[in-house]
Amino acid sequence: AALALTLALERTGKNAQVLCPTAPSVSFGNLIGIQNVKRNRGGGSTNGGLIISLPYRQGAIEKISYDIIGDRINLTVVPGEAGLGFTTDDITYQTPQKGEDLIFVIGQALEPHSLEANGMVPVVNIDYNSANTRYGTVALVDEGSSSHSEIVAQLLRELGLPIDADVAQNLLAGIVDGTENF
């Protein structure tokens, strides 16, 4: 559903991005645009800086220092008494950039904690789960729908957004998955 929506928005010249906190599994390899799913926001210009995010618990880090060697800067994280307790897979980064104009949240019954400091950016909440708390500026929660893709297909039609072969393939894959092969 998210990839179909993103493709349709891109077809109209919009800049859209799919974020997912976990890497997509191999079972999603047939989806158009799956290679563009990001685990964190960023990937644009670093003119706004760079944020490197490490998991932290009290006593895990004694200090963070840096050394410049040639044209490289090396950050050193010195473990504290409790030990670091994370691996390189747990480290994320992002490049601050112009904020979003609109956020679509698909399939999250409870408001994601990352939206708490969202400010004034409108949020469209798309779901078919009856447990959805109907947060957001617009809540498109349809308990009678078979899948998130069914709701997105209706939204694309109502907004007059293009549904080409790639968008349709992703929507169909979502409906097939959501209905367990109809």
Protein backbone atom coordinates (compact mmCIF):
# COMPACT_ATOMS: atom_id res chain seq x y z
CA ALA A 1 0.00 0.00 0.00
CA ALA A 2 2.76 2.45 0.95
CA LEU A 3 4.80 1.71 -2.17
CA ALA A 4 1.74 2.06 -4.42
CA LEU A 5 0.87 5.40 -2.83
CA THR A 6 4.47 6.57 -3.16
CA LEU A 7 4.66 5.60 -6.84
CA ALA A 8 1.38 7.38 -7.60
CA LEU A 9 2.55 10.53 -5.82
CA GLU A 10 5.89 10.44 -7.65
CA ARG A 11 4.04 10.13 -11.00
CA THR A 12 2.55 13.57 -10.25
CA GLY A 13 5.94 15.11 -9.49
CA LYS A 14 5.75 14.84 -5.70
CA ASN A 15 8.75 13.86 -3.60
CA ALA A 16 7.70 10.85 -1.53
CA GLN A 17 9.56 8.41 0.67
CA VAL A 18 8.64 5.14 2.39
CA LEU A 19 10.07 4.66 5.87
CA CYS A 20 9.96 1.38 7.75
CA PRO A 21 11.70 0.70 11.08
CA THR A 22 12.75 -2.79 9.92
CA ALA A 23 14.37 -3.85 6.68
CA PRO A 24 11.90 -5.44 4.22
CA SER A 25 12.13 -9.23 4.05
CA VAL A 26 12.89 -11.17 0.87
CA SER A 27 9.19 -12.03 0.55
CA PHE A 28 8.56 -8.42 -0.52
CA GLY A 29 11.13 -8.59 -3.33
CA ASN A 30 8.42 -8.60 -6.04
CA LEU A 31 7.13 -5.14 -5.08
CA ILE A 32 7.98 -2.24 -7.36
CA GLY A 33 10.18 0.27 -5.51
CA ILE A 34 11.03 -1.99 -2.56
CA GLN A 35 14.71 -1.10 -2.96
CA ASN A 36 13.86 2.51 -2.07
CA VAL A 37 12.38 1.75 1.37
CA LYS A 38 14.46 3.48 4.02
CA ARG A 39 14.85 2.61 7.69
CA ASN A 40 15.28 6.23 8.71
CA ARG A 41 14.72 9.67 7.30
CA GLY A 42 17.58 11.16 5.34
CA GLY A 43 19.65 10.49 2.30
CA GLY A 44 19.50 14.05 1.01
CA SER A 45 22.01 16.86 1.21
CA THR A 46 24.09 17.05 4.38
CA ASN A 47 24.02 20.86 4.40
CA GLY A 48 21.80 20.67 7.48
CA GLY A 49 24.29 18.43 9.31
CA LEU A 50 24.35 14.78 10.16
CA ILE A 51 22.77 13.03 13.13
CA ILE A 52 24.22 9.69 14.18
CA SER A 53 21.90 7.84 16.56
CA LEU A 54 23.14 5.17 18.98
CA PRO A 55 21.06 3.15 21.43
CA TYR A 56 21.80 4.31 24.98
CA ARG A 57 21.20 3.20 28.53
CA GLN A 58 22.62 4.72 31.73
CA GLY A 59 26.29 3.79 32.17
CA ALA A 60 26.72 2.37 28.66
CA ILE A 61 28.94 5.16 27.29
CA GLU A 62 31.79 6.82 29.15
CA LYS A 63 32.61 9.34 26.43
CA ILE A 64 32.50 10.08 22.71
CA SER A 65 35.52 11.64 21.07
CA TYR A 66 36.74 12.28 17.55
CA ASP A 67 40.01 12.29 15.58
CA ILE A 68 40.62 13.78 12.16
CA ILE A 69 42.98 11.67 10.08
CA GLY A 70 43.56 13.01 6.59
CA ASP A 71 40.17 13.61 4.99
CA ARG A 72 38.28 11.37 7.47
CA ILE A 73 36.78 12.02 10.88
CA ASN A 74 36.60 9.06 13.23
CA LEU A 75 34.15 9.04 16.11
CA THR A 76 35.20 6.88 19.05
CA VAL A 77 32.60 5.62 21.50
CA VAL A 78 34.26 4.55 24.75
CA PRO A 79 32.13 2.04 26.67
CA GLY A 80 31.13 2.78 30.24
CA GLU A 81 30.88 0.31 33.10
CA ALA A 82 27.67 -1.24 31.76
CA GLY A 83 29.16 -1.89 28.29
CA LEU A 84 27.77 -0.63 25.01
CA GLY A 85 25.14 -3.35 24.55
CA PHE A 86 24.55 -2.63 20.84
CA THR A 87 26.01 -3.56 17.46
CA THR A 88 26.65 -1.57 14.31
CA ASP A 89 23.26 -2.78 13.02
CA ASP A 90 21.62 -0.68 15.77
CA ILE A 91 23.24 2.57 14.60
CA THR A 92 21.17 4.87 12.41
CA TYR A 93 21.83 8.23 10.82
CA GLN A 94 19.81 10.99 9.27
CA THR A 95 20.43 14.23 7.50
CA PRO A 96 18.16 17.05 8.63
CA GLN A 97 16.30 18.46 5.68
CA LYS A 98 13.18 20.40 4.84
CA GLY A 99 10.29 18.98 6.77
CA GLU A 100 7.45 17.00 5.33
CA ASP A 101 4.32 18.65 3.98
CA LEU A 102 2.17 15.60 4.68
CA ILE A 103 2.68 12.28 6.46
CA PHE A 104 0.79 9.07 5.65
CA VAL A 105 0.84 6.41 8.35
CA ILE A 106 -0.35 3.02 7.12
CA GLY A 107 -1.34 0.17 9.38
CA GLN A 108 -0.49 1.60 12.79
CA ALA A 109 -3.38 1.26 15.23
CA LEU A 110 -1.70 3.52 17.80
CA GLU A 111 -0.04 6.82 17.00
CA PRO A 112 3.67 6.16 16.39
CA HIS A 113 5.89 7.89 18.99
CA SER A 114 7.82 9.58 16.16
CA LEU A 115 4.74 11.71 15.40
CA GLU A 116 4.51 13.17 18.91
CA ALA A 117 6.79 16.09 18.05
CA ASN A 118 5.42 16.33 14.51
CA GLY A 119 4.08 19.84 15.05
CA MET A 120 1.74 21.16 12.42
CA VAL A 121 2.36 18.64 9.63
CA PRO A 122 -0.94 16.99 8.67
CA VAL A 123 -1.09 13.23 9.27
CA VAL A 124 -3.27 10.84 7.26
CA ASN A 125 -3.90 7.64 9.20
CA ILE A 126 -4.80 4.68 6.91
CA ASP A 127 -5.90 1.41 8.48
CA TYR A 128 -8.58 -1.29 8.53
CA ASN A 129 -7.98 -2.45 12.10
CA SER A 130 -10.80 -1.84 14.58
CA ALA A 131 -8.20 -1.16 17.30
CA ASN A 132 -7.05 1.98 15.46
CA THR A 133 -7.37 5.02 17.74
CA ARG A 134 -8.21 7.25 14.75
CA TYR A 135 -5.38 9.69 15.41
CA GLY A 136 -4.16 12.17 12.82
CA THR A 137 -5.58 15.07 10.88
CA VAL A 138 -7.51 12.62 8.68
CA ALA A 139 -8.27 9.06 9.75
CA LEU A 140 -9.13 6.76 6.84
CA VAL A 141 -10.05 3.76 8.95
CA ASP A 142 -12.35 1.32 7.16
CA GLU A 143 -12.94 -1.85 9.17
CA GLY A 144 -14.78 -3.37 6.22
CA SER A 145 -11.75 -3.25 3.93
CA SER A 146 -9.72 -6.38 3.27
CA SER A 147 -6.35 -4.64 3.29
CA HIS A 148 -4.50 -1.35 3.44
CA SER A 149 -4.07 -1.60 -0.32
CA GLU A 150 -7.83 -1.63 -0.84
CA ILE A 151 -8.12 1.64 1.09
CA VAL A 152 -5.18 3.18 -0.80
CA ALA A 153 -6.69 2.10 -4.15
CA GLN A 154 -9.91 3.92 -3.26
CA LEU A 155 -7.95 6.99 -2.10
CA LEU A 156 -5.95 7.09 -5.36
CA ARG A 157 -9.17 6.87 -7.38
CA GLU A 158 -10.88 9.61 -5.36
CA LEU A 159 -7.87 11.93 -5.63
CA GLY A 160 -7.47 11.26 -9.34
CA LEU A 161 -3.91 10.04 -8.89
CA PRO A 162 -2.46 7.83 -11.64
CA ILE A 163 -2.76 4.07 -11.30
CA ASP A 164 -0.31 2.68 -13.84
CA ALA A 165 0.90 -0.96 -14.13
CA ASP A 166 3.49 -0.58 -11.33
CA VAL A 167 1.03 1.02 -8.91
CA ALA A 168 -1.60 -1.61 -9.78
CA GLN A 169 0.88 -4.46 -9.27
CA ASN A 170 1.73 -3.23 -5.77
CA LEU A 171 -1.94 -2.73 -4.91
CA LEU A 172 -2.83 -6.22 -6.14
CA ALA A 173 0.06 -7.75 -4.16
CA GLY A 174 -1.19 -5.99 -1.03
CA ILE A 175 -4.77 -7.14 -1.55
CA VAL A 176 -3.66 -10.73 -2.25
CA ASP A 177 -1.54 -10.70 0.93
CA GLY A 178 -4.24 -9.00 3.03
CA THR A 179 -6.90 -11.51 1.97
CA GLU A 180 -4.56 -14.52 2.16
CA ASN A 181 -4.99 -15.20 -1.60
CA PHE A 182 -8.64 -14.10 -1.66
